[in-house]
Amino acid sequence: QVQIVESGGGLVQPGGSLRLSCAASGFTLDYYAIGWFRQAPGKEREGVSCISSNPGSTYYADSVKGRFTISRDNAKNTVYLQMNSLKSEDTGVYYCAARGYCSGYVFPLNKSYWGQGTQVTVSS
């Protein structure tokens, strides 16, 4: 059974850090491009970061470049999003998706695998 589970969200002060995890079961993440998305209330979902299948290229939204890092741990079948120097603008529900295209963050809801999301709140 294919499953994707995000974890690691929570409440953090501006300037703090969080590491989100995207753990897969039932398939091998290394075979797919993996994207991180976020959505704030009243706003459209936006692509934040993406890593393609091996050898793997990485992509970042301009708003997070230099602060976020996406990586794979194939042995654990997990993709991480390390988020540093967090800002209030980073607040939202973060989703992990597999089986899409990093260029343009094309991960159709009816074709890609999506997790349930994890809440990230950056506030003092």
PDB file of N, CA and C in Angstrom:
ATOM      1  N   GLN A   1       0.841  -1.178   0.000  1.00  0.00           N
ATOM      2  CA  GLN A   1       0.000   0.000   0.000  1.00  0.00           C
ATOM      3  C   GLN A   1       0.888   1.244   0.000  1.00  0.00           C
ATOM      4  N   VAL A   2       0.606   2.159  -0.894  1.00  0.00           N
ATOM      5  CA  VAL A   2       1.377   3.383  -1.019  1.00  0.00           C
ATOM      6  C   VAL A   2       0.955   4.376   0.061  1.00  0.00           C
ATOM      7  N   GLN A   3       1.931   4.866   0.815  1.00  0.00           N
ATOM      8  CA  GLN A   3       1.672   5.864   1.838  1.00  0.00           C
ATOM      9  C   GLN A   3       2.778   6.898   1.854  1.00  0.00           C
ATOM     10  N   ILE A   4       2.397   8.144   2.085  1.00  0.00           N
ATOM     11  CA  ILE A   4       3.334   9.238   2.302  1.00  0.00           C
ATOM     12  C   ILE A   4       2.904   9.952   3.572  1.00  0.00           C
ATOM     13  N   VAL A   5       3.829  10.132   4.506  1.00  0.00           N
ATOM     14  CA  VAL A   5       3.522  10.765   5.779  1.00  0.00           C
ATOM     15  C   VAL A   5       4.511  11.887   6.036  1.00  0.00           C
ATOM     16  N   GLU A   6       3.994  13.115   6.186  1.00  0.00           N
ATOM     17  CA  GLU A   6       4.817  14.260   6.555  1.00  0.00           C
ATOM     18  C   GLU A   6       4.820  14.415   8.069  1.00  0.00           C
ATOM     19  N   SER A   7       5.928  14.885   8.601  1.00  0.00           N
ATOM     20  CA  SER A   7       6.027  15.159  10.018  1.00  0.00           C
ATOM     21  C   SER A   7       7.067  16.244  10.250  1.00  0.00           C
ATOM     22  N   GLY A   8       7.110  16.769  11.463  1.00  0.00           N
ATOM     23  CA  GLY A   8       8.116  17.745  11.841  1.00  0.00           C
ATOM     24  C   GLY A   8       7.618  19.165  11.976  1.00  0.00           C
ATOM     25  N   GLY A   9       6.368  19.413  11.647  1.00  0.00           N
ATOM     26  CA  GLY A   9       5.831  20.753  11.775  1.00  0.00           C
ATOM     27  C   GLY A   9       5.588  21.128  13.219  1.00  0.00           C
ATOM     28  N   GLY A  10       5.290  22.400  13.428  1.00  0.00           N
ATOM     29  CA  GLY A  10       5.032  22.883  14.772  1.00  0.00           C
ATOM     30  C   GLY A  10       5.099  24.386  14.831  1.00  0.00           C
ATOM     31  N   LEU A  11       5.137  24.902  16.045  1.00  0.00           N
ATOM     32  CA  LEU A  11       5.223  26.336  16.297  1.00  0.00           C
ATOM     33  C   LEU A  11       6.665  26.714  16.587  1.00  0.00           C
ATOM     34  N   VAL A  12       7.153  27.723  15.882  1.00  0.00           N
ATOM     35  CA  VAL A  12       8.530  28.165  16.054  1.00  0.00           C
ATOM     36  C   VAL A  12       8.589  29.684  15.962  1.00  0.00           C
ATOM     37  N   GLN A  13       9.528  30.292  16.666  1.00  0.00           N
ATOM     38  CA  GLN A  13       9.699  31.743  16.612  1.00  0.00           C
ATOM     39  C   GLN A  13      10.425  32.166  15.349  1.00  0.00           C
ATOM     40  N   PRO A  14      10.199  33.396  14.897  1.00  0.00           N
ATOM     41  CA  PRO A  14      10.964  33.891  13.749  1.00  0.00           C
ATOM     42  C   PRO A  14      12.463  33.738  13.981  1.00  0.00           C
ATOM     43  N   GLY A  15      13.160  33.299  12.934  1.00  0.00           N
ATOM     44  CA  GLY A  15      14.580  33.038  13.037  1.00  0.00           C
ATOM     45  C   GLY A  15      14.921  31.618  13.442  1.00  0.00           C
ATOM     46  N   GLY A  16      13.924  30.858  13.850  1.00  0.00           N
ATOM     47  CA  GLY A  16      14.137  29.487  14.264  1.00  0.00           C
ATOM     48  C   GLY A  16      14.208  28.530  13.102  1.00  0.00           C
ATOM     49  N   SER A  17      14.315  27.239  13.436  1.00  0.00           N
ATOM     50  CA  SER A  17      14.475  26.201  12.425  1.00  0.00           C
ATOM     51  C   SER A  17      13.539  25.033  12.683  1.00  0.00           C
ATOM     52  N   LEU A  18      13.179  24.359  11.619  1.00  0.00           N
ATOM     53  CA  LEU A  18      12.427  23.119  11.667  1.00  0.00           C
ATOM     54  C   LEU A  18      12.938  22.203  10.568  1.00  0.00           C
ATOM     55  N   ARG A  19      12.839  20.904  10.788  1.00  0.00           N
ATOM     56  CA  ARG A  19      13.133  19.937   9.747  1.00  0.00           C
ATOM     57  C   ARG A  19      11.904  19.093   9.501  1.00  0.00           C
ATOM     58  N   LEU A  20      11.362  19.189   8.301  1.00  0.00           N
ATOM     59  CA  LEU A  20      10.223  18.387   7.910  1.00  0.00           C
ATOM     60  C   LEU A  20      10.692  17.089   7.277  1.00  0.00           C
ATOM     61  N   SER A  21       9.940  16.021   7.530  1.00  0.00           N
ATOM     62  CA  SER A  21      10.248  14.719   6.962  1.00  0.00           C
ATOM     63  C   SER A  21       9.096  14.242   6.096  1.00  0.00           C
ATOM     64  N   CYS A  22       9.440  13.596   5.008  1.00  0.00           N
ATOM     65  CA  CYS A  22       8.477  12.974   4.111  1.00  0.00           C
ATOM     66  C   CYS A  22       8.875  11.512   3.995  1.00  0.00           C
ATOM     67  N   ALA A  23       8.155  10.651   4.701  1.00  0.00           N
ATOM     68  CA  ALA A  23       8.475   9.231   4.745  1.00  0.00           C
ATOM     69  C   ALA A  23       7.529   8.445   3.853  1.00  0.00           C
ATOM     70  N   ALA A  24       8.079   7.535   3.071  1.00  0.00           N
ATOM     71  CA  ALA A  24       7.295   6.757   2.122  1.00  0.00           C
ATOM     72  C   ALA A  24       7.264   5.287   2.504  1.00  0.00           C
ATOM     73  N   SER A  25       6.127   4.654   2.236  1.00  0.00           N
ATOM     74  CA  SER A  25       5.956   3.217   2.391  1.00  0.00           C
ATOM     75  C   SER A  25       5.283   2.678   1.142  1.00  0.00           C
ATOM     76  N   GLY A  26       5.663   1.478   0.738  1.00  0.00           N
ATOM     77  CA  GLY A  26       5.028   0.850  -0.403  1.00  0.00           C
ATOM     78  C   GLY A  26       5.634   1.192  -1.745  1.00  0.00           C
ATOM     79  N   PHE A  27       6.579   2.098  -1.770  1.00  0.00           N
ATOM     80  CA  PHE A  27       7.303   2.430  -2.988  1.00  0.00           C
ATOM     81  C   PHE A  27       8.618   3.081  -2.616  1.00  0.00           C
ATOM     82  N   THR A  28       9.499   3.193  -3.577  1.00  0.00           N
ATOM     83  CA  THR A  28      10.822   3.742  -3.346  1.00  0.00           C
ATOM     84  C   THR A  28      10.862   5.192  -3.799  1.00  0.00           C
ATOM     85  N   LEU A  29      11.091   6.089  -2.851  1.00  0.00           N
ATOM     86  CA  LEU A  29      11.101   7.518  -3.159  1.00  0.00           C
ATOM     87  C   LEU A  29      12.161   7.882  -4.185  1.00  0.00           C
ATOM     88  N   ASP A  30      13.254   7.161  -4.184  1.00  0.00           N
ATOM     89  CA  ASP A  30      14.360   7.477  -5.081  1.00  0.00           C
ATOM     90  C   ASP A  30      13.962   7.398  -6.550  1.00  0.00           C
ATOM     91  N   TYR A  31      12.903   6.675  -6.848  1.00  0.00           N
ATOM     92  CA  TYR A  31      12.461   6.533  -8.232  1.00  0.00           C
ATOM     93  C   TYR A  31      11.673   7.741  -8.734  1.00  0.00           C
ATOM     94  N   TYR A  32      11.334   8.658  -7.848  1.00  0.00           N
ATOM     95  CA  TYR A  32      10.430   9.742  -8.187  1.00  0.00           C
ATOM     96  C   TYR A  32      11.002  11.103  -7.858  1.00  0.00           C
ATOM     97  N   ALA A  33      10.519  12.099  -8.587  1.00  0.00           N
ATOM     98  CA  ALA A  33      10.724  13.479  -8.172  1.00  0.00           C
ATOM     99  C   ALA A  33       9.829  13.754  -6.966  1.00  0.00           C
ATOM    100  N   ILE A  34      10.357  14.457  -5.975  1.00  0.00           N
ATOM    101  CA  ILE A  34       9.636  14.748  -4.742  1.00  0.00           C
ATOM    102  C   ILE A  34       9.546  16.256  -4.554  1.00  0.00           C
ATOM    103  N   GLY A  35       8.343  16.748  -4.356  1.00  0.00           N
ATOM    104  CA  GLY A  35       8.140  18.176  -4.170  1.00  0.00           C
ATOM    105  C   GLY A  35       7.564  18.506  -2.809  1.00  0.00           C
ATOM    106  N   TRP A  36       7.961  19.654  -2.286  1.00  0.00           N
ATOM    107  CA  TRP A  36       7.357  20.221  -1.084  1.00  0.00           C
ATOM    108  C   TRP A  36       6.530  21.428  -1.495  1.00  0.00           C
ATOM    109  N   PHE A  37       5.314  21.480  -0.987  1.00  0.00           N
ATOM    110  CA  PHE A  37       4.390  22.568  -1.253  1.00  0.00           C
ATOM    111  C   PHE A  37       3.902  23.140   0.066  1.00  0.00           C
ATOM    112  N   ARG A  38       3.387  24.352   0.029  1.00  0.00           N
ATOM    113  CA  ARG A  38       2.774  24.925   1.217  1.00  0.00           C
ATOM    114  C   ARG A  38       1.551  25.738   0.818  1.00  0.00           C
ATOM    115  N   GLN A  39       0.639  25.855   1.772  1.00  0.00           N
ATOM    116  CA  GLN A  39      -0.588  26.601   1.535  1.00  0.00           C
ATOM    117  C   GLN A  39      -1.007  27.322   2.810  1.00  0.00           C
ATOM    118  N   ALA A  40      -1.181  28.614   2.692  1.00  0.00           N
ATOM    119  CA  ALA A  40      -1.699  29.422   3.781  1.00  0.00           C
ATOM    120  C   ALA A  40      -3.192  29.635   3.562  1.00  0.00           C
ATOM    121  N   PRO A  41      -3.958  29.870   4.634  1.00  0.00           N
ATOM    122  CA  PRO A  41      -5.397  30.102   4.488  1.00  0.00           C
ATOM    123  C   PRO A  41      -5.685  31.237   3.512  1.00  0.00           C
ATOM    124  N   GLY A  42      -6.593  30.984   2.578  1.00  0.00           N
ATOM    125  CA  GLY A  42      -6.968  31.987   1.608  1.00  0.00           C
ATOM    126  C   GLY A  42      -6.006  32.167   0.453  1.00  0.00           C
ATOM    127  N   LYS A  43      -4.947  31.382   0.404  1.00  0.00           N
ATOM    128  CA  LYS A  43      -3.966  31.483  -0.658  1.00  0.00           C
ATOM    129  C   LYS A  43      -3.860  30.161  -1.411  1.00  0.00           C
ATOM    130  N   GLU A  44      -3.389  30.241  -2.643  1.00  0.00           N
ATOM    131  CA  GLU A  44      -3.191  29.041  -3.437  1.00  0.00           C
ATOM    132  C   GLU A  44      -1.962  28.285  -2.973  1.00  0.00           C
ATOM    133  N   ARG A  45      -1.985  26.994  -3.180  1.00  0.00           N
ATOM    134  CA  ARG A  45      -0.835  26.166  -2.877  1.00  0.00           C
ATOM    135  C   ARG A  45       0.319  26.529  -3.795  1.00  0.00           C
ATOM    136  N   GLU A  46       1.520  26.611  -3.233  1.00  0.00           N
ATOM    137  CA  GLU A  46       2.680  26.982  -4.008  1.00  0.00           C
ATOM    138  C   GLU A  46       3.815  25.986  -3.808  1.00  0.00           C
ATOM    139  N   GLY A  47       4.587  25.787  -4.849  1.00  0.00           N
ATOM    140  CA  GLY A  47       5.758  24.941  -4.747  1.00  0.00           C
ATOM    141  C   GLY A  47       6.859  25.642  -3.973  1.00  0.00           C
ATOM    142  N   VAL A  48       7.470  24.937  -3.045  1.00  0.00           N
ATOM    143  CA  VAL A  48       8.521  25.484  -2.195  1.00  0.00           C
ATOM    144  C   VAL A  48       9.890  24.949  -2.594  1.00  0.00           C
ATOM    145  N   SER A  49       9.976  23.642  -2.778  1.00  0.00           N
ATOM    146  CA  SER A  49      11.235  23.003  -3.118  1.00  0.00           C
ATOM    147  C   SER A  49      10.947  21.672  -3.790  1.00  0.00           C
ATOM    148  N   CYS A  50      11.924  21.174  -4.532  1.00  0.00           N
ATOM    149  CA  CYS A  50      11.735  19.910  -5.239  1.00  0.00           C
ATOM    150  C   CYS A  50      13.085  19.260  -5.471  1.00  0.00           C
ATOM    151  N   ILE A  51      13.094  17.939  -5.483  1.00  0.00           N
ATOM    152  CA  ILE A  51      14.297  17.188  -5.809  1.00  0.00           C
ATOM    153  C   ILE A  51      13.911  16.104  -6.805  1.00  0.00           C
ATOM    154  N   SER A  52      14.652  16.030  -7.892  1.00  0.00           N
ATOM    155  CA  SER A  52      14.355  15.056  -8.919  1.00  0.00           C
ATOM    156  C   SER A  52      14.927  13.692  -8.548  1.00  0.00           C
ATOM    157  N   SER A  53      14.554  12.665  -9.298  1.00  0.00           N
ATOM    158  CA  SER A  53      15.100  11.339  -9.048  1.00  0.00           C
ATOM    159  C   SER A  53      16.596  11.334  -9.313  1.00  0.00           C
ATOM    160  N   ASN A  54      17.278  10.306  -8.809  1.00  0.00           N
ATOM    161  CA  ASN A  54      18.729  10.228  -8.958  1.00  0.00           C
ATOM    162  C   ASN A  54      19.165  10.421 -10.397  1.00  0.00           C
ATOM    163  N   PRO A  55      20.248  11.180 -10.609  1.00  0.00           N
ATOM    164  CA  PRO A  55      21.160  11.688  -9.581  1.00  0.00           C
ATOM    165  C   PRO A  55      20.603  12.833  -8.754  1.00  0.00           C
ATOM    166  N   GLY A  56      19.550  13.480  -9.226  1.00  0.00           N
ATOM    167  CA  GLY A  56      18.839  14.456  -8.431  1.00  0.00           C
ATOM    168  C   GLY A  56      19.323  15.878  -8.573  1.00  0.00           C
ATOM    169  N   SER A  57      18.441  16.734  -9.068  1.00  0.00           N
ATOM    170  CA  SER A  57      18.660  18.170  -9.075  1.00  0.00           C
ATOM    171  C   SER A  57      17.689  18.794  -8.091  1.00  0.00           C
ATOM    172  N   THR A  58      18.071  19.901  -7.490  1.00  0.00           N
ATOM    173  CA  THR A  58      17.230  20.555  -6.500  1.00  0.00           C
ATOM    174  C   THR A  58      16.707  21.880  -7.017  1.00  0.00           C
ATOM    175  N   TYR A  59      15.527  22.251  -6.527  1.00  0.00           N
ATOM    176  CA  TYR A  59      14.846  23.468  -6.934  1.00  0.00           C
ATOM    177  C   TYR A  59      14.288  24.150  -5.693  1.00  0.00           C
ATOM    178  N   TYR A  60      14.297  25.482  -5.719  1.00  0.00           N
ATOM    179  CA  TYR A  60      13.790  26.255  -4.596  1.00  0.00           C
ATOM    180  C   TYR A  60      13.033  27.474  -5.098  1.00  0.00           C
ATOM    181  N   ALA A  61      11.940  27.773  -4.423  1.00  0.00           N
ATOM    182  CA  ALA A  61      11.260  29.031  -4.677  1.00  0.00           C
ATOM    183  C   ALA A  61      12.177  30.179  -4.273  1.00  0.00           C
ATOM    184  N   ASP A  62      12.084  31.291  -4.977  1.00  0.00           N
ATOM    185  CA  ASP A  62      12.950  32.430  -4.681  1.00  0.00           C
ATOM    186  C   ASP A  62      12.841  32.876  -3.225  1.00  0.00           C
ATOM    187  N   SER A  63      11.662  32.762  -2.653  1.00  0.00           N
ATOM    188  CA  SER A  63      11.429  33.235  -1.304  1.00  0.00           C
ATOM    189  C   SER A  63      12.149  32.419  -0.236  1.00  0.00           C
ATOM    190  N   VAL A  64      12.612  31.211  -0.577  1.00  0.00           N
ATOM    191  CA  VAL A  64      13.253  30.352   0.421  1.00  0.00           C
ATOM    192  C   VAL A  64      14.698  30.033   0.092  1.00  0.00           C
ATOM    193  N   LYS A  65      15.208  30.493  -1.022  1.00  0.00           N
ATOM    194  CA  LYS A  65      16.591  30.215  -1.402  1.00  0.00           C
ATOM    195  C   LYS A  65      17.556  30.735  -0.343  1.00  0.00           C
ATOM    196  N   GLY A  66      18.513  29.900  -0.003  1.00  0.00           N
ATOM    197  CA  GLY A  66      19.486  30.252   1.009  1.00  0.00           C
ATOM    198  C   GLY A  66      19.050  29.931   2.414  1.00  0.00           C
ATOM    199  N   ARG A  67      17.780  29.591   2.606  1.00  0.00           N
ATOM    200  CA  ARG A  67      17.253  29.279   3.938  1.00  0.00           C
ATOM    201  C   ARG A  67      16.791  27.832   4.058  1.00  0.00           C
ATOM    202  N   PHE A  68      16.251  27.267   2.983  1.00  0.00           N
ATOM    203  CA  PHE A  68      15.734  25.899   2.993  1.00  0.00           C
ATOM    204  C   PHE A  68      16.659  24.986   2.211  1.00  0.00           C
ATOM    205  N   THR A  69      16.722  23.726   2.630  1.00  0.00           N
ATOM    206  CA  THR A  69      17.509  22.723   1.935  1.00  0.00           C
ATOM    207  C   THR A  69      16.727  21.425   1.848  1.00  0.00           C
ATOM    208  N   ILE A  70      16.591  20.889   0.648  1.00  0.00           N
ATOM    209  CA  ILE A  70      15.914  19.616   0.452  1.00  0.00           C
ATOM    210  C   ILE A  70      16.971  18.533   0.255  1.00  0.00           C
ATOM    211  N   SER A  71      16.713  17.346   0.789  1.00  0.00           N
ATOM    212  CA  SER A  71      17.677  16.260   0.685  1.00  0.00           C
ATOM    213  C   SER A  71      16.969  14.910   0.742  1.00  0.00           C
ATOM    214  N   ARG A  72      17.675  13.882   0.306  1.00  0.00           N
ATOM    215  CA  ARG A  72      17.167  12.508   0.350  1.00  0.00           C
ATOM    216  C   ARG A  72      18.015  11.660   1.281  1.00  0.00           C
ATOM    217  N   ASP A  73      17.370  10.709   1.937  1.00  0.00           N
ATOM    218  CA  ASP A  73      18.058   9.631   2.625  1.00  0.00           C
ATOM    219  C   ASP A  73      17.442   8.347   2.081  1.00  0.00           C
ATOM    220  N   ASN A  74      18.060   7.796   1.060  1.00  0.00           N
ATOM    221  CA  ASN A  74      17.490   6.640   0.385  1.00  0.00           C
ATOM    222  C   ASN A  74      17.388   5.418   1.299  1.00  0.00           C
ATOM    223  N   ALA A  75      18.336   5.275   2.217  1.00  0.00           N
ATOM    224  CA  ALA A  75      18.310   4.141   3.130  1.00  0.00           C
ATOM    225  C   ALA A  75      17.067   4.158   4.012  1.00  0.00           C
ATOM    226  N   LYS A  76      16.577   5.347   4.323  1.00  0.00           N
ATOM    227  CA  LYS A  76      15.383   5.497   5.154  1.00  0.00           C
ATOM    228  C   LYS A  76      14.133   5.784   4.331  1.00  0.00           C
ATOM    229  N   ASN A  77      14.296   5.842   3.009  1.00  0.00           N
ATOM    230  CA  ASN A  77      13.176   6.120   2.118  1.00  0.00           C
ATOM    231  C   ASN A  77      12.450   7.396   2.540  1.00  0.00           C
ATOM    232  N   THR A  78      13.239   8.424   2.804  1.00  0.00           N
ATOM    233  CA  THR A  78      12.720   9.664   3.356  1.00  0.00           C
ATOM    234  C   THR A  78      13.357  10.868   2.670  1.00  0.00           C
ATOM    235  N   VAL A  79      12.554  11.895   2.462  1.00  0.00           N
ATOM    236  CA  VAL A  79      13.030  13.177   1.965  1.00  0.00           C
ATOM    237  C   VAL A  79      12.823  14.211   3.064  1.00  0.00           C
ATOM    238  N   TYR A  80      13.798  15.092   3.236  1.00  0.00           N
ATOM    239  CA  TYR A  80      13.747  16.100   4.281  1.00  0.00           C
ATOM    240  C   TYR A  80      13.701  17.498   3.687  1.00  0.00           C
ATOM    241  N   LEU A  81      13.118  18.403   4.444  1.00  0.00           N
ATOM    242  CA  LEU A  81      13.182  19.819   4.133  1.00  0.00           C
ATOM    243  C   LEU A  81      13.666  20.539   5.383  1.00  0.00           C
ATOM    244  N   GLN A  82      14.932  20.923   5.368  1.00  0.00           N
ATOM    245  CA  GLN A  82      15.501  21.687   6.472  1.00  0.00           C
ATOM    246  C   GLN A  82      15.175  23.153   6.265  1.00  0.00           C
ATOM    247  N   MET A  83      14.514  23.759   7.235  1.00  0.00           N
ATOM    248  CA  MET A  83      14.070  25.142   7.134  1.00  0.00           C
ATOM    249  C   MET A  83      14.755  25.958   8.224  1.00  0.00           C
ATOM    250  N   ASN A  84      15.579  26.898   7.808  1.00  0.00           N
ATOM    251  CA  ASN A  84      16.300  27.763   8.724  1.00  0.00           C
ATOM    252  C   ASN A  84      15.861  29.210   8.541  1.00  0.00           C
ATOM    253  N   SER A  85      16.185  30.027   9.525  1.00  0.00           N
ATOM    254  CA  SER A  85      15.862  31.463   9.475  1.00  0.00           C
ATOM    255  C   SER A  85      14.408  31.685   9.096  1.00  0.00           C
ATOM    256  N   LEU A  86      13.530  30.996   9.771  1.00  0.00           N
ATOM    257  CA  LEU A  86      12.113  31.029   9.416  1.00  0.00           C
ATOM    258  C   LEU A  86      11.499  32.404   9.643  1.00  0.00           C
ATOM    259  N   LYS A  87      10.587  32.751   8.754  1.00  0.00           N
ATOM    260  CA  LYS A  87       9.873  34.016   8.792  1.00  0.00           C
ATOM    261  C   LYS A  87       8.384  33.755   8.940  1.00  0.00           C
ATOM    262  N   SER A  88       7.656  34.768   9.361  1.00  0.00           N
ATOM    263  CA  SER A  88       6.212  34.619   9.495  1.00  0.00           C
ATOM    264  C   SER A  88       5.562  34.253   8.161  1.00  0.00           C
ATOM    265  N   GLU A  89       6.138  34.714   7.070  1.00  0.00           N
ATOM    266  CA  GLU A  89       5.617  34.410   5.743  1.00  0.00           C
ATOM    267  C   GLU A  89       5.719  32.936   5.382  1.00  0.00           C
ATOM    268  N   ASP A  90       6.501  32.165   6.145  1.00  0.00           N
ATOM    269  CA  ASP A  90       6.640  30.740   5.889  1.00  0.00           C
ATOM    270  C   ASP A  90       5.506  29.927   6.504  1.00  0.00           C
ATOM    271  N   THR A  91       4.640  30.559   7.253  1.00  0.00           N
ATOM    272  CA  THR A  91       3.540  29.869   7.909  1.00  0.00           C
ATOM    273  C   THR A  91       2.595  29.238   6.887  1.00  0.00           C
ATOM    274  N   GLY A  92       2.180  28.012   7.146  1.00  0.00           N
ATOM    275  CA  GLY A  92       1.242  27.333   6.284  1.00  0.00           C
ATOM    276  C   GLY A  92       1.261  25.837   6.516  1.00  0.00           C
ATOM    277  N   VAL A  93       0.414  25.138   5.792  1.00  0.00           N
ATOM    278  CA  VAL A  93       0.423  23.681   5.804  1.00  0.00           C
ATOM    279  C   VAL A  93       1.372  23.219   4.711  1.00  0.00           C
ATOM    280  N   TYR A  94       2.312  22.383   5.080  1.00  0.00           N
ATOM    281  CA  TYR A  94       3.318  21.893   4.145  1.00  0.00           C
ATOM    282  C   TYR A  94       2.984  20.476   3.721  1.00  0.00           C
ATOM    283  N   TYR A  95       3.005  20.245   2.417  1.00  0.00           N
ATOM    284  CA  TYR A  95       2.671  18.956   1.837  1.00  0.00           C
ATOM    285  C   TYR A  95       3.855  18.401   1.064  1.00  0.00           C
ATOM    286  N   CYS A  96       3.980  17.100   1.092  1.00  0.00           N
ATOM    287  CA  CYS A  96       4.959  16.382   0.293  1.00  0.00           C
ATOM    288  C   CYS A  96       4.228  15.635  -0.820  1.00  0.00           C
ATOM    289  N   ALA A  97       4.799  15.631  -2.008  1.00  0.00           N
ATOM    290  CA  ALA A  97       4.207  14.936  -3.136  1.00  0.00           C
ATOM    291  C   ALA A  97       5.281  14.199  -3.919  1.00  0.00           C
ATOM    292  N   ALA A  98       4.909  13.059  -4.474  1.00  0.00           N
ATOM    293  CA  ALA A  98       5.822  12.236  -5.258  1.00  0.00           C
ATOM    294  C   ALA A  98       5.237  11.950  -6.632  1.00  0.00           C
ATOM    295  N   ARG A  99       6.109  11.687  -7.573  1.00  0.00           N
ATOM    296  CA  ARG A  99       5.715  11.342  -8.937  1.00  0.00           C
ATOM    297  C   ARG A  99       5.143  12.536  -9.677  1.00  0.00           C
ATOM    298  N   GLY A 100       6.009  13.447  -9.994  1.00  0.00           N
ATOM    299  CA  GLY A 100       5.648  14.620 -10.757  1.00  0.00           C
ATOM    300  C   GLY A 100       6.873  15.154 -11.461  1.00  0.00           C
ATOM    301  N   TYR A 101       6.831  16.442 -11.774  1.00  0.00           N
ATOM    302  CA  TYR A 101       7.930  17.101 -12.467  1.00  0.00           C
ATOM    303  C   TYR A 101       8.348  18.336 -11.687  1.00  0.00           C
ATOM    304  N   CYS A 102       9.621  18.428 -11.365  1.00  0.00           N
ATOM    305  CA  CYS A 102      10.111  19.558 -10.594  1.00  0.00           C
ATOM    306  C   CYS A 102      10.020  20.861 -11.380  1.00  0.00           C
ATOM    307  N   SER A 103      10.328  20.804 -12.657  1.00  0.00           N
ATOM    308  CA  SER A 103      10.231  22.009 -13.470  1.00  0.00           C
ATOM    309  C   SER A 103       8.774  22.432 -13.582  1.00  0.00           C
ATOM    310  N   GLY A 104       8.450  23.570 -12.971  1.00  0.00           N
ATOM    311  CA  GLY A 104       7.077  24.033 -12.936  1.00  0.00           C
ATOM    312  C   GLY A 104       6.259  23.460 -11.800  1.00  0.00           C
ATOM    313  N   TYR A 105       6.843  22.618 -10.969  1.00  0.00           N
ATOM    314  CA  TYR A 105       6.158  21.987  -9.834  1.00  0.00           C
ATOM    315  C   TYR A 105       4.848  21.338 -10.278  1.00  0.00           C
ATOM    316  N   VAL A 106       4.953  20.468 -11.271  1.00  0.00           N
ATOM    317  CA  VAL A 106       3.782  19.810 -11.827  1.00  0.00           C
ATOM    318  C   VAL A 106       3.572  18.471 -11.115  1.00  0.00           C
ATOM    319  N   PHE A 107       2.665  18.465 -10.161  1.00  0.00           N
ATOM    320  CA  PHE A 107       2.297  17.267  -9.406  1.00  0.00           C
ATOM    321  C   PHE A 107       0.777  17.177  -9.353  1.00  0.00           C
ATOM    322  N   PRO A 108       0.142  16.700 -10.419  1.00  0.00           N
ATOM    323  CA  PRO A 108      -1.318  16.650 -10.468  1.00  0.00           C
ATOM    324  C   PRO A 108      -1.906  15.826  -9.327  1.00  0.00           C
ATOM    325  N   LEU A 109      -2.958  16.329  -8.718  1.00  0.00           N
ATOM    326  CA  LEU A 109      -3.558  15.668  -7.569  1.00  0.00           C
ATOM    327  C   LEU A 109      -4.064  14.272  -7.898  1.00  0.00           C
ATOM    328  N   ASN A 110      -4.497  14.042  -9.120  1.00  0.00           N
ATOM    329  CA  ASN A 110      -5.051  12.753  -9.498  1.00  0.00           C
ATOM    330  C   ASN A 110      -4.026  11.800 -10.086  1.00  0.00           C
ATOM    331  N   LYS A 111      -2.772  12.219 -10.157  1.00  0.00           N
ATOM    332  CA  LYS A 111      -1.727  11.375 -10.729  1.00  0.00           C
ATOM    333  C   LYS A 111      -0.539  11.176  -9.802  1.00  0.00           C
ATOM    334  N   SER A 112      -0.288  12.135  -8.939  1.00  0.00           N
ATOM    335  CA  SER A 112       0.832  12.069  -8.018  1.00  0.00           C
ATOM    336  C   SER A 112       0.384  11.551  -6.657  1.00  0.00           C
ATOM    337  N   TYR A 113       1.360  11.162  -5.842  1.00  0.00           N
ATOM    338  CA  TYR A 113       1.083  10.731  -4.478  1.00  0.00           C
ATOM    339  C   TYR A 113       1.286  11.904  -3.536  1.00  0.00           C
ATOM    340  N   TRP A 114       0.294  12.177  -2.696  1.00  0.00           N
ATOM    341  CA  TRP A 114       0.335  13.305  -1.765  1.00  0.00           C
ATOM    342  C   TRP A 114       0.156  12.848  -0.330  1.00  0.00           C
ATOM    343  N   GLY A 115       0.852  13.502   0.574  1.00  0.00           N
ATOM    344  CA  GLY A 115       0.678  13.265   1.996  1.00  0.00           C
ATOM    345  C   GLY A 115      -0.438  14.118   2.568  1.00  0.00           C
ATOM    346  N   GLN A 116      -0.635  13.998   3.873  1.00  0.00           N
ATOM    347  CA  GLN A 116      -1.744  14.681   4.541  1.00  0.00           C
ATOM    348  C   GLN A 116      -1.417  16.113   4.950  1.00  0.00           C
ATOM    349  N   GLY A 117      -0.158  16.469   4.951  1.00  0.00           N
ATOM    350  CA  GLY A 117       0.262  17.805   5.322  1.00  0.00           C
ATOM    351  C   GLY A 117       0.654  17.917   6.786  1.00  0.00           C
ATOM    352  N   THR A 118       1.515  18.875   7.077  1.00  0.00           N
ATOM    353  CA  THR A 118       1.914  19.166   8.448  1.00  0.00           C
ATOM    354  C   THR A 118       1.957  20.680   8.634  1.00  0.00           C
ATOM    355  N   GLN A 119       1.422  21.155   9.743  1.00  0.00           N
ATOM    356  CA  GLN A 119       1.285  22.585   9.986  1.00  0.00           C
ATOM    357  C   GLN A 119       2.594  23.184  10.480  1.00  0.00           C
ATOM    358  N   VAL A 120       2.980  24.291   9.863  1.00  0.00           N
ATOM    359  CA  VAL A 120       4.133  25.081  10.299  1.00  0.00           C
ATOM    360  C   VAL A 120       3.635  26.477  10.635  1.00  0.00           C
ATOM    361  N   THR A 121       3.876  26.907  11.857  1.00  0.00           N
ATOM    362  CA  THR A 121       3.476  28.239  12.289  1.00  0.00           C
ATOM    363  C   THR A 121       4.695  28.975  12.819  1.00  0.00           C
ATOM    364  N   VAL A 122       4.997  30.110  12.215  1.00  0.00           N
ATOM    365  CA  VAL A 122       6.132  30.934  12.623  1.00  0.00           C
ATOM    366  C   VAL A 122       5.573  32.200  13.247  1.00  0.00           C
ATOM    367  N   SER A 123       5.737  32.328  14.542  1.00  0.00           N
ATOM    368  CA  SER A 123       5.150  33.452  15.266  1.00  0.00           C
ATOM    369  C   SER A 123       5.899  33.690  16.561  1.00  0.00           C
ATOM    370  N   SER A 124       5.958  34.951  16.964  1.00  0.00           N
ATOM    371  CA  SER A 124       6.550  35.305  18.238  1.00  0.00           C
ATOM    372  C   SER A 124       5.508  35.369  19.340  1.00  0.00           C
TER     373      SER A 124
END
